[in-house]
Amino acid sequence: MPKYEATIWLGLMAPKATPITILRRLNAEVAAIVGRADTVKAWKAQGAMPMTMGIDAFTRYLDDDIAKWAKIVKFSGAKPDQ
């Protein structure tokens, strides 16, 4: 399919009913870890690009990624195994 790029990303998700205060705390703690010099160095040595997103930005990113791959699956004609 033309003009499509595949990338690998990692993200944390929580149950939908998780209180926003907990989500914000988890996001802040993970961002702090990802931003540490030793983490950045280790990830870059493996060819990874450390980055973080806020909760709303990650939600939009995930929604967009699901929509992108849904189009690719439809275009490909792939069917689930029965």
PDB file of N, CA and C in Angstrom:
ATOM      1  N   MET A   1       0.858  -1.170   0.000  1.00  0.00           N
ATOM      2  CA  MET A   1       0.000   0.000   0.000  1.00  0.00           C
ATOM      3  C   MET A   1       0.904   1.233   0.000  1.00  0.00           C
ATOM      4  N   PRO A   2       0.737   2.112  -0.934  1.00  0.00           N
ATOM      5  CA  PRO A   2       1.631   3.268  -1.046  1.00  0.00           C
ATOM      6  C   PRO A   2       1.525   4.240   0.131  1.00  0.00           C
ATOM      7  N   LYS A   3       2.644   4.873   0.422  1.00  0.00           N
ATOM      8  CA  LYS A   3       2.729   5.948   1.416  1.00  0.00           C
ATOM      9  C   LYS A   3       2.446   5.487   2.849  1.00  0.00           C
ATOM     10  N   TYR A   4       2.738   4.241   3.154  1.00  0.00           N
ATOM     11  CA  TYR A   4       2.574   3.770   4.527  1.00  0.00           C
ATOM     12  C   TYR A   4       3.913   3.403   5.110  1.00  0.00           C
ATOM     13  N   GLU A   5       4.086   3.717   6.349  1.00  0.00           N
ATOM     14  CA  GLU A   5       5.319   3.439   7.070  1.00  0.00           C
ATOM     15  C   GLU A   5       4.981   2.620   8.306  1.00  0.00           C
ATOM     16  N   ALA A   6       5.802   1.633   8.587  1.00  0.00           N
ATOM     17  CA  ALA A   6       5.599   0.820   9.784  1.00  0.00           C
ATOM     18  C   ALA A   6       6.695   1.144  10.790  1.00  0.00           C
ATOM     19  N   THR A   7       6.294   1.445  11.991  1.00  0.00           N
ATOM     20  CA  THR A   7       7.244   1.697  13.071  1.00  0.00           C
ATOM     21  C   THR A   7       6.841   0.869  14.279  1.00  0.00           C
ATOM     22  N   ILE A   8       7.793   0.669  15.151  1.00  0.00           N
ATOM     23  CA  ILE A   8       7.534  -0.047  16.398  1.00  0.00           C
ATOM     24  C   ILE A   8       7.479   0.998  17.508  1.00  0.00           C
ATOM     25  N   TRP A   9       6.502   0.886  18.366  1.00  0.00           N
ATOM     26  CA  TRP A   9       6.418   1.784  19.506  1.00  0.00           C
ATOM     27  C   TRP A   9       6.030   0.987  20.738  1.00  0.00           C
ATOM     28  N   LEU A  10       6.351   1.525  21.874  1.00  0.00           N
ATOM     29  CA  LEU A  10       5.984   0.916  23.150  1.00  0.00           C
ATOM     30  C   LEU A  10       5.148   1.921  23.927  1.00  0.00           C
ATOM     31  N   GLY A  11       4.146   1.449  24.605  1.00  0.00           N
ATOM     32  CA  GLY A  11       3.318   2.325  25.414  1.00  0.00           C
ATOM     33  C   GLY A  11       2.676   1.536  26.541  1.00  0.00           C
ATOM     34  N   LEU A  12       2.323   2.231  27.574  1.00  0.00           N
ATOM     35  CA  LEU A  12       1.637   1.600  28.700  1.00  0.00           C
ATOM     36  C   LEU A  12       0.164   1.956  28.643  1.00  0.00           C
ATOM     37  N   MET A  13      -0.660   0.990  28.987  1.00  0.00           N
ATOM     38  CA  MET A  13      -2.102   1.214  29.025  1.00  0.00           C
ATOM     39  C   MET A  13      -2.622   0.722  30.366  1.00  0.00           C
ATOM     40  N   ALA A  14      -3.725   1.274  30.761  1.00  0.00           N
ATOM     41  CA  ALA A  14      -4.351   0.906  32.030  1.00  0.00           C
ATOM     42  C   ALA A  14      -5.835   0.664  31.776  1.00  0.00           C
ATOM     43  N   PRO A  15      -6.495  -0.014  32.705  1.00  0.00           N
ATOM     44  CA  PRO A  15      -7.938  -0.202  32.550  1.00  0.00           C
ATOM     45  C   PRO A  15      -8.657   1.146  32.434  1.00  0.00           C
ATOM     46  N   LYS A  16      -9.734   1.160  31.673  1.00  0.00           N
ATOM     47  CA  LYS A  16     -10.473   2.398  31.389  1.00  0.00           C
ATOM     48  C   LYS A  16     -10.903   3.135  32.663  1.00  0.00           C
ATOM     49  N   ALA A  17     -11.220   2.425  33.712  1.00  0.00           N
ATOM     50  CA  ALA A  17     -11.724   3.052  34.935  1.00  0.00           C
ATOM     51  C   ALA A  17     -10.613   3.568  35.857  1.00  0.00           C
ATOM     52  N   THR A  18      -9.366   3.508  35.426  1.00  0.00           N
ATOM     53  CA  THR A  18      -8.262   3.974  36.269  1.00  0.00           C
ATOM     54  C   THR A  18      -8.398   5.479  36.496  1.00  0.00           C
ATOM     55  N   PRO A  19      -8.340   5.910  37.750  1.00  0.00           N
ATOM     56  CA  PRO A  19      -8.468   7.348  38.027  1.00  0.00           C
ATOM     57  C   PRO A  19      -7.379   8.164  37.331  1.00  0.00           C
ATOM     58  N   ILE A  20      -7.741   9.353  36.864  1.00  0.00           N
ATOM     59  CA  ILE A  20      -6.823  10.212  36.124  1.00  0.00           C
ATOM     60  C   ILE A  20      -5.603  10.579  36.962  1.00  0.00           C
ATOM     61  N   THR A  21      -5.769  10.695  38.276  1.00  0.00           N
ATOM     62  CA  THR A  21      -4.616  11.035  39.121  1.00  0.00           C
ATOM     63  C   THR A  21      -3.557   9.931  39.055  1.00  0.00           C
ATOM     64  N   ILE A  22      -3.992   8.694  39.001  1.00  0.00           N
ATOM     65  CA  ILE A  22      -3.055   7.577  38.891  1.00  0.00           C
ATOM     66  C   ILE A  22      -2.415   7.573  37.504  1.00  0.00           C
ATOM     67  N   LEU A  23      -3.202   7.808  36.467  1.00  0.00           N
ATOM     68  CA  LEU A  23      -2.654   7.859  35.110  1.00  0.00           C
ATOM     69  C   LEU A  23      -1.607   8.962  34.992  1.00  0.00           C
ATOM     70  N   ARG A  24      -1.883  10.118  35.552  1.00  0.00           N
ATOM     71  CA  ARG A  24      -0.924  11.220  35.492  1.00  0.00           C
ATOM     72  C   ARG A  24       0.360  10.877  36.234  1.00  0.00           C
ATOM     73  N   ARG A  25       0.230  10.234  37.370  1.00  0.00           N
ATOM     74  CA  ARG A  25       1.419   9.842  38.145  1.00  0.00           C
ATOM     75  C   ARG A  25       2.246   8.819  37.377  1.00  0.00           C
ATOM     76  N   LEU A  26       1.591   7.802  36.810  1.00  0.00           N
ATOM     77  CA  LEU A  26       2.305   6.806  36.012  1.00  0.00           C
ATOM     78  C   LEU A  26       3.001   7.458  34.829  1.00  0.00           C
ATOM     79  N   ASN A  27       2.301   8.373  34.144  1.00  0.00           N
ATOM     80  CA  ASN A  27       2.878   9.055  32.998  1.00  0.00           C
ATOM     81  C   ASN A  27       4.117   9.851  33.405  1.00  0.00           C
ATOM     82  N   ALA A  28       4.034  10.548  34.521  1.00  0.00           N
ATOM     83  CA  ALA A  28       5.170  11.350  34.995  1.00  0.00           C
ATOM     84  C   ALA A  28       6.357  10.465  35.376  1.00  0.00           C
ATOM     85  N   GLU A  29       6.092   9.365  36.051  1.00  0.00           N
ATOM     86  CA  GLU A  29       7.180   8.468  36.473  1.00  0.00           C
ATOM     87  C   GLU A  29       7.853   7.816  35.270  1.00  0.00           C
ATOM     88  N   VAL A  30       7.060   7.361  34.316  1.00  0.00           N
ATOM     89  CA  VAL A  30       7.626   6.742  33.113  1.00  0.00           C
ATOM     90  C   VAL A  30       8.415   7.778  32.317  1.00  0.00           C
ATOM     91  N   ALA A  31       7.889   8.985  32.185  1.00  0.00           N
ATOM     92  CA  ALA A  31       8.603  10.044  31.465  1.00  0.00           C
ATOM     93  C   ALA A  31       9.943  10.343  32.128  1.00  0.00           C
ATOM     94  N   ALA A  32       9.970  10.335  33.442  1.00  0.00           N
ATOM     95  CA  ALA A  32      11.228  10.574  34.161  1.00  0.00           C
ATOM     96  C   ALA A  32      12.241   9.469  33.870  1.00  0.00           C
ATOM     97  N   ILE A  33      11.784   8.235  33.843  1.00  0.00           N
ATOM     98  CA  ILE A  33      12.682   7.105  33.557  1.00  0.00           C
ATOM     99  C   ILE A  33      13.180   7.161  32.123  1.00  0.00           C
ATOM    100  N   VAL A  34      12.277   7.402  31.188  1.00  0.00           N
ATOM    101  CA  VAL A  34      12.648   7.454  29.773  1.00  0.00           C
ATOM    102  C   VAL A  34      13.620   8.613  29.507  1.00  0.00           C
ATOM    103  N   GLY A  35      13.517   9.671  30.274  1.00  0.00           N
ATOM    104  CA  GLY A  35      14.382  10.825  30.088  1.00  0.00           C
ATOM    105  C   GLY A  35      15.736  10.737  30.767  1.00  0.00           C
ATOM    106  N   ARG A  36      15.945   9.716  31.590  1.00  0.00           N
ATOM    107  CA  ARG A  36      17.239   9.572  32.268  1.00  0.00           C
ATOM    108  C   ARG A  36      18.349   9.313  31.261  1.00  0.00           C
ATOM    109  N   ALA A  37      19.522   9.861  31.529  1.00  0.00           N
ATOM    110  CA  ALA A  37      20.654   9.723  30.603  1.00  0.00           C
ATOM    111  C   ALA A  37      21.003   8.264  30.345  1.00  0.00           C
ATOM    112  N   ASP A  38      20.959   7.420  31.375  1.00  0.00           N
ATOM    113  CA  ASP A  38      21.316   6.008  31.170  1.00  0.00           C
ATOM    114  C   ASP A  38      20.282   5.281  30.314  1.00  0.00           C
ATOM    115  N   THR A  39      19.015   5.647  30.463  1.00  0.00           N
ATOM    116  CA  THR A  39      17.963   5.048  29.641  1.00  0.00           C
ATOM    117  C   THR A  39      18.121   5.480  28.191  1.00  0.00           C
ATOM    118  N   VAL A  40      18.323   6.774  27.975  1.00  0.00           N
ATOM    119  CA  VAL A  40      18.494   7.305  26.619  1.00  0.00           C
ATOM    120  C   VAL A  40      19.691   6.626  25.949  1.00  0.00           C
ATOM    121  N   LYS A  41      20.796   6.520  26.661  1.00  0.00           N
ATOM    122  CA  LYS A  41      22.002   5.903  26.108  1.00  0.00           C
ATOM    123  C   LYS A  41      21.753   4.443  25.731  1.00  0.00           C
ATOM    124  N   ALA A  42      21.113   3.692  26.619  1.00  0.00           N
ATOM    125  CA  ALA A  42      20.853   2.272  26.363  1.00  0.00           C
ATOM    126  C   ALA A  42      19.907   2.087  25.178  1.00  0.00           C
ATOM    127  N   TRP A  43      18.871   2.882  25.117  1.00  0.00           N
ATOM    128  CA  TRP A  43      17.912   2.745  24.017  1.00  0.00           C
ATOM    129  C   TRP A  43      18.546   3.140  22.696  1.00  0.00           C
ATOM    130  N   LYS A  44      19.297   4.243  22.691  1.00  0.00           N
ATOM    131  CA  LYS A  44      19.936   4.676  21.450  1.00  0.00           C
ATOM    132  C   LYS A  44      20.943   3.637  20.959  1.00  0.00           C
ATOM    133  N   ALA A  45      21.630   2.950  21.866  1.00  0.00           N
ATOM    134  CA  ALA A  45      22.573   1.894  21.484  1.00  0.00           C
ATOM    135  C   ALA A  45      21.857   0.748  20.777  1.00  0.00           C
ATOM    136  N   GLN A  46      20.571   0.610  21.032  1.00  0.00           N
ATOM    137  CA  GLN A  46      19.766  -0.439  20.402  1.00  0.00           C
ATOM    138  C   GLN A  46      19.010   0.080  19.179  1.00  0.00           C
ATOM    139  N   GLY A  47      19.250   1.334  18.821  1.00  0.00           N
ATOM    140  CA  GLY A  47      18.593   1.911  17.661  1.00  0.00           C
ATOM    141  C   GLY A  47      17.216   2.483  17.948  1.00  0.00           C
ATOM    142  N   ALA A  48      16.877   2.632  19.220  1.00  0.00           N
ATOM    143  CA  ALA A  48      15.566   3.163  19.597  1.00  0.00           C
ATOM    144  C   ALA A  48      15.661   4.666  19.853  1.00  0.00           C
ATOM    145  N   MET A  49      14.554   5.364  19.665  1.00  0.00           N
ATOM    146  CA  MET A  49      14.491   6.789  19.912  1.00  0.00           C
ATOM    147  C   MET A  49      13.557   7.027  21.100  1.00  0.00           C
ATOM    148  N   PRO A  50      14.124   7.263  22.278  1.00  0.00           N
ATOM    149  CA  PRO A  50      13.276   7.489  23.449  1.00  0.00           C
ATOM    150  C   PRO A  50      12.451   8.762  23.310  1.00  0.00           C
ATOM    151  N   MET A  51      11.169   8.642  23.611  1.00  0.00           N
ATOM    152  CA  MET A  51      10.289   9.806  23.596  1.00  0.00           C
ATOM    153  C   MET A  51       9.090   9.526  24.496  1.00  0.00           C
ATOM    154  N   THR A  52       8.429  10.557  24.903  1.00  0.00           N
ATOM    155  CA  THR A  52       7.241  10.401  25.735  1.00  0.00           C
ATOM    156  C   THR A  52       6.117  11.249  25.163  1.00  0.00           C
ATOM    157  N   MET A  53       4.911  10.927  25.595  1.00  0.00           N
ATOM    158  CA  MET A  53       3.723  11.687  25.207  1.00  0.00           C
ATOM    159  C   MET A  53       2.842  11.845  26.441  1.00  0.00           C
ATOM    160  N   GLY A  54       2.063  12.881  26.435  1.00  0.00           N
ATOM    161  CA  GLY A  54       1.059  13.027  27.466  1.00  0.00           C
ATOM    162  C   GLY A  54      -0.085  12.042  27.221  1.00  0.00           C
ATOM    163  N   ILE A  55      -0.958  11.931  28.169  1.00  0.00           N
ATOM    164  CA  ILE A  55      -2.058  10.976  28.100  1.00  0.00           C
ATOM    165  C   ILE A  55      -2.953  11.231  26.875  1.00  0.00           C
ATOM    166  N   ASP A  56      -3.360  12.472  26.669  1.00  0.00           N
ATOM    167  CA  ASP A  56      -4.232  12.788  25.533  1.00  0.00           C
ATOM    168  C   ASP A  56      -3.530  12.556  24.196  1.00  0.00           C
ATOM    169  N   ALA A  57      -2.262  12.932  24.113  1.00  0.00           N
ATOM    170  CA  ALA A  57      -1.510  12.747  22.866  1.00  0.00           C
ATOM    171  C   ALA A  57      -1.354  11.261  22.550  1.00  0.00           C
ATOM    172  N   PHE A  58      -1.093  10.451  23.574  1.00  0.00           N
ATOM    173  CA  PHE A  58      -0.947   9.012  23.338  1.00  0.00           C
ATOM    174  C   PHE A  58      -2.284   8.394  22.920  1.00  0.00           C
ATOM    175  N   THR A  59      -3.365   8.843  23.516  1.00  0.00           N
ATOM    176  CA  THR A  59      -4.690   8.351  23.136  1.00  0.00           C
ATOM    177  C   THR A  59      -4.963   8.641  21.666  1.00  0.00           C
ATOM    178  N   ARG A  60      -4.672   9.873  21.222  1.00  0.00           N
ATOM    179  CA  ARG A  60      -4.851  10.228  19.804  1.00  0.00           C
ATOM    180  C   ARG A  60      -3.930   9.402  18.913  1.00  0.00           C
ATOM    181  N   TYR A  61      -2.673   9.225  19.338  1.00  0.00           N
ATOM    182  CA  TYR A  61      -1.713   8.442  18.560  1.00  0.00           C
ATOM    183  C   TYR A  61      -2.214   7.008  18.387  1.00  0.00           C
ATOM    184  N   LEU A  62      -2.681   6.420  19.472  1.00  0.00           N
ATOM    185  CA  LEU A  62      -3.180   5.046  19.433  1.00  0.00           C
ATOM    186  C   LEU A  62      -4.404   4.938  18.523  1.00  0.00           C
ATOM    187  N   ASP A  63      -5.335   5.862  18.662  1.00  0.00           N
ATOM    188  CA  ASP A  63      -6.531   5.860  17.793  1.00  0.00           C
ATOM    189  C   ASP A  63      -6.142   5.982  16.319  1.00  0.00           C
ATOM    190  N   ASP A  64      -5.206   6.876  16.030  1.00  0.00           N
ATOM    191  CA  ASP A  64      -4.752   7.057  14.646  1.00  0.00           C
ATOM    192  C   ASP A  64      -4.054   5.805  14.119  1.00  0.00           C
ATOM    193  N   ASP A  65      -3.248   5.166  14.970  1.00  0.00           N
ATOM    194  CA  ASP A  65      -2.525   3.965  14.548  1.00  0.00           C
ATOM    195  C   ASP A  65      -3.498   2.814  14.266  1.00  0.00           C
ATOM    196  N   ILE A  66      -4.510   2.676  15.094  1.00  0.00           N
ATOM    197  CA  ILE A  66      -5.523   1.632  14.871  1.00  0.00           C
ATOM    198  C   ILE A  66      -6.237   1.884  13.545  1.00  0.00           C
ATOM    199  N   ALA A  67      -6.611   3.135  13.291  1.00  0.00           N
ATOM    200  CA  ALA A  67      -7.295   3.466  12.037  1.00  0.00           C
ATOM    201  C   ALA A  67      -6.383   3.197  10.841  1.00  0.00           C
ATOM    202  N   LYS A  68      -5.117   3.555  10.959  1.00  0.00           N
ATOM    203  CA  LYS A  68      -4.162   3.322   9.863  1.00  0.00           C
ATOM    204  C   LYS A  68      -4.067   1.842   9.534  1.00  0.00           C
ATOM    205  N   TRP A  69      -3.881   1.013  10.551  1.00  0.00           N
ATOM    206  CA  TRP A  69      -3.709  -0.421  10.301  1.00  0.00           C
ATOM    207  C   TRP A  69      -5.011  -1.086   9.867  1.00  0.00           C
ATOM    208  N   ALA A  70      -6.152  -0.544  10.293  1.00  0.00           N
ATOM    209  CA  ALA A  70      -7.442  -1.076   9.818  1.00  0.00           C
ATOM    210  C   ALA A  70      -7.557  -0.888   8.309  1.00  0.00           C
ATOM    211  N   LYS A  71      -7.119   0.281   7.798  1.00  0.00           N
ATOM    212  CA  LYS A  71      -7.136   0.526   6.356  1.00  0.00           C
ATOM    213  C   LYS A  71      -6.218  -0.451   5.622  1.00  0.00           C
ATOM    214  N   ILE A  72      -5.062  -0.712   6.203  1.00  0.00           N
ATOM    215  CA  ILE A  72      -4.110  -1.628   5.569  1.00  0.00           C
ATOM    216  C   ILE A  72      -4.674  -3.045   5.519  1.00  0.00           C
ATOM    217  N   VAL A  73      -5.271  -3.482   6.612  1.00  0.00           N
ATOM    218  CA  VAL A  73      -5.864  -4.826   6.634  1.00  0.00           C
ATOM    219  C   VAL A  73      -6.974  -4.926   5.598  1.00  0.00           C
ATOM    220  N   LYS A  74      -7.837  -3.915   5.540  1.00  0.00           N
ATOM    221  CA  LYS A  74      -8.922  -3.923   4.552  1.00  0.00           C
ATOM    222  C   LYS A  74      -8.359  -3.941   3.130  1.00  0.00           C
ATOM    223  N   PHE A  75      -7.357  -3.108   2.856  1.00  0.00           N
ATOM    224  CA  PHE A  75      -6.726  -3.042   1.537  1.00  0.00           C
ATOM    225  C   PHE A  75      -6.114  -4.387   1.147  1.00  0.00           C
ATOM    226  N   SER A  76      -5.532  -5.063   2.132  1.00  0.00           N
ATOM    227  CA  SER A  76      -4.834  -6.328   1.856  1.00  0.00           C
ATOM    228  C   SER A  76      -5.801  -7.483   1.579  1.00  0.00           C
ATOM    229  N   GLY A  77      -7.023  -7.348   2.079  1.00  0.00           N
ATOM    230  CA  GLY A  77      -7.975  -8.437   1.933  1.00  0.00           C
ATOM    231  C   GLY A  77      -7.777  -9.556   2.945  1.00  0.00           C
ATOM    232  N   ALA A  78      -6.924  -9.331   3.918  1.00  0.00           N
ATOM    233  CA  ALA A  78      -6.654 -10.347   4.935  1.00  0.00           C
ATOM    234  C   ALA A  78      -7.913 -10.697   5.690  1.00  0.00           C
ATOM    235  N   LYS A  79      -8.046 -11.949   6.026  1.00  0.00           N
ATOM    236  CA  LYS A  79      -9.200 -12.451   6.793  1.00  0.00           C
ATOM    237  C   LYS A  79      -8.677 -13.190   8.029  1.00  0.00           C
ATOM    238  N   PRO A  80      -9.404 -13.145   9.127  1.00  0.00           N
ATOM    239  CA  PRO A  80      -8.965 -13.878  10.321  1.00  0.00           C
ATOM    240  C   PRO A  80      -9.018 -15.381  10.086  1.00  0.00           C
ATOM    241  N   ASP A  81      -8.083 -16.074  10.730  1.00  0.00           N
ATOM    242  CA  ASP A  81      -8.128 -17.543  10.680  1.00  0.00           C
ATOM    243  C   ASP A  81      -9.347 -18.030  11.446  1.00  0.00           C
ATOM    244  N   GLN A  82      -9.983 -19.053  10.916  1.00  0.00           N
ATOM    245  CA  GLN A  82     -11.176 -19.582  11.576  1.00  0.00           C
ATOM    246  C   GLN A  82     -10.862 -20.892  12.253  1.00  0.00           C
TER     247      GLN A  82
END
